[in-house]
Each structure stands twice: as C-alpha cells, then as structure tokens.
Amino acid sequence: MTSLLFKLTNVPDDEAEDVRILLSENEIHFYETHAGFFRMGLDAIWLHDARQLENAKQLLQDYQQKRYQSQRELFNQSEEKGEVETLWQRILNQPVRFLAMVIAVVFVLMLTLVPFFFV
C-alpha cells in the first residue's frame, strides 16, 4: 500500500531534489504526483512500500534538521553583512507595490465598514 511521505507544495526546487536524492541513495522506492493544470491534485512524494515509511521519515527528519541549520547559518551571515532587506528598504525599493497594497487595504476596510456608518 502506498504512503504519503512529503508534500511538495511551496517547497523550493533544491530541497525537493535533495529529498529525491536522499531517498534514491537509501534505496527507498518512491514516486511523485503533481497537482496538475487546475491544481486539483497534490504535489507530493509517495512511497510504494509502507514498510519503508518509518525509515524514510527518520531520514527526512534528519535531512530537514541539517537543512534548517544550514539555512539559518546562511541567514545569520547575510544579516551580519547587512544583506537582509528590512521592511523600510522593501518599501523604498517597491513604492508602487506598497502604495497599491495600502490602497487595497483601505478599499476593503471601506467596503466592510461603510454599511455600519449609514445604518
């Protein structure tokens, strides 16, 4: 019986590739499904043999711990170098987008609050 191991929704391509390599190196047989054009399915990695599920989960957990540590170190290094963009820098880099968001928020607030003012 097949078992769901890892959902690929919003997973970076390099991480998905690392998981595929990890499973292949450990001789865990798997297959992938894709959500399709209308996104009605599930992007995921499945195991053919449910008996390999516990081993695969342990391998995946170890990998994710290592990945978390390495990504955290990269972020900390970028932060020390001043390469991490602050909110104010994002606003200054994309003022039109920021202004559009503010207008959209005000519009939605007005749509929801106007009926209470004119009752």
Protein backbone atom coordinates (compact mmCIF):
# COMPACT_ATOMS: atom_id res chain seq x y z
CA MET A 1 0.00 0.00 0.00
CA THR A 2 1.31 3.46 -0.86
CA SER A 3 2.03 6.08 1.79
CA LEU A 4 2.38 9.84 1.63
CA LEU A 5 5.85 10.90 2.70
CA PHE A 6 6.39 14.53 1.72
CA LYS A 7 4.15 17.24 0.29
CA LEU A 8 5.92 19.35 -2.31
CA THR A 9 3.60 22.36 -2.20
CA ASN A 10 5.69 25.54 -1.76
CA VAL A 11 8.91 23.51 -1.42
CA PRO A 12 11.98 25.01 -3.13
CA ASP A 13 13.27 23.01 -6.10
CA ASP A 14 16.66 22.40 -4.49
CA GLU A 15 15.05 20.93 -1.37
CA ALA A 16 12.77 18.66 -3.41
CA GLU A 17 15.77 17.47 -5.42
CA ASP A 18 17.71 16.81 -2.22
CA VAL A 19 14.84 14.67 -0.90
CA ARG A 20 14.72 12.69 -4.15
CA ILE A 21 18.47 12.07 -3.99
CA LEU A 22 18.27 11.12 -0.30
CA LEU A 23 15.58 8.54 -0.96
CA SER A 24 17.36 7.14 -4.01
CA GLU A 25 20.67 6.81 -2.17
CA ASN A 26 18.95 4.87 0.60
CA GLU A 27 17.15 2.61 -1.88
CA ILE A 28 13.70 3.78 -0.86
CA HIS A 29 11.37 3.38 -3.82
CA PHE A 30 9.10 6.36 -4.35
CA TYR A 31 7.04 8.16 -6.95
CA GLU A 32 5.74 11.70 -7.33
CA THR A 33 2.35 13.12 -8.07
CA HIS A 34 1.65 16.57 -9.45
CA ALA A 35 -1.34 18.78 -8.79
CA GLY A 36 -1.99 19.24 -12.49
CA PHE A 37 -3.06 22.23 -14.51
CA PHE A 38 -6.05 23.16 -12.34
CA ARG A 39 -4.18 22.38 -9.07
CA MET A 40 -6.80 19.81 -8.11
CA GLY A 41 -4.28 17.12 -7.14
CA LEU A 42 -1.42 17.01 -4.70
CA ASP A 43 2.25 17.70 -5.35
CA ALA A 44 3.85 15.03 -3.21
CA ILE A 45 6.34 12.21 -2.86
CA TRP A 46 4.79 8.84 -2.10
CA LEU A 47 6.34 5.54 -1.07
CA HIS A 48 5.48 2.31 -2.85
CA ASP A 49 6.07 0.22 0.26
CA ALA A 50 4.55 1.34 3.56
CA ARG A 51 7.13 -0.76 5.42
CA GLN A 52 9.79 1.77 4.41
CA LEU A 53 7.80 4.69 5.81
CA GLU A 54 9.41 4.86 9.25
CA ASN A 55 12.92 4.68 7.83
CA ALA A 56 12.08 7.33 5.22
CA LYS A 57 10.53 9.63 7.84
CA GLN A 58 13.64 9.36 10.01
CA LEU A 59 15.91 10.14 7.05
CA LEU A 60 13.71 13.08 6.11
CA GLN A 61 13.67 14.42 9.66
CA ASP A 62 17.47 14.25 9.87
CA TYR A 63 17.78 15.98 6.50
CA GLN A 64 15.37 18.74 7.49
CA GLN A 65 17.27 19.38 10.73
CA LYS A 66 20.53 19.75 8.77
CA ARG A 67 18.86 21.96 6.19
CA TYR A 68 17.34 24.15 8.87
CA GLN A 69 20.74 24.63 10.49
CA SER A 70 22.47 25.44 7.19
CA GLN A 71 19.75 27.88 6.07
CA ARG A 72 19.77 29.53 9.49
CA GLU A 73 23.55 29.98 9.28
CA LEU A 74 23.22 31.50 5.79
CA PHE A 75 20.58 33.90 7.04
CA ASN A 76 22.69 34.90 10.06
CA GLN A 77 25.70 35.51 7.82
CA SER A 78 23.61 37.64 5.47
CA GLU A 79 22.21 39.53 8.42
CA GLU A 80 25.71 40.24 9.78
CA LYS A 81 26.80 41.54 6.38
CA GLY A 82 23.72 43.77 6.20
CA GLU A 83 22.33 41.99 3.14
CA VAL A 84 18.95 41.20 4.70
CA GLU A 85 16.35 43.65 3.44
CA THR A 86 14.36 45.48 6.12
CA LEU A 87 10.72 46.45 5.80
CA TRP A 88 11.64 50.09 5.21
CA GLN A 89 14.10 49.08 2.46
CA ARG A 90 11.40 46.97 0.78
CA ILE A 91 9.01 49.90 0.85
CA LEU A 92 11.63 52.18 -0.68
CA ASN A 93 12.59 49.58 -3.32
CA GLN A 94 8.99 48.98 -4.40
CA PRO A 95 6.96 52.11 -3.61
CA VAL A 96 4.28 51.44 -6.23
CA ARG A 97 3.61 47.97 -4.86
CA PHE A 98 3.45 49.32 -1.31
CA LEU A 99 1.06 52.08 -2.34
CA ALA A 100 -1.15 49.58 -4.20
CA MET A 101 -1.31 47.39 -1.09
CA VAL A 102 -2.27 50.33 1.11
CA ILE A 103 -5.00 51.35 -1.33
CA ALA A 104 -6.29 47.77 -1.46
CA VAL A 105 -6.43 47.52 2.33
CA VAL A 106 -8.23 50.86 2.64
CA PHE A 107 -10.70 49.81 -0.08
CA VAL A 108 -11.52 46.52 1.67
CA LEU A 109 -11.89 48.29 5.02
CA MET A 110 -14.24 50.83 3.47
CA LEU A 111 -16.34 48.08 1.87
CA THR A 112 -16.74 46.33 5.20
CA LEU A 113 -17.23 49.38 7.43
CA VAL A 114 -19.39 51.71 5.28
CA PRO A 115 -22.63 49.75 5.84
CA PHE A 116 -22.27 50.32 9.62
CA PHE A 117 -21.90 54.08 9.22
CA PHE A 118 -25.06 54.52 7.13
CA VAL A 119 -27.47 52.35 9.11
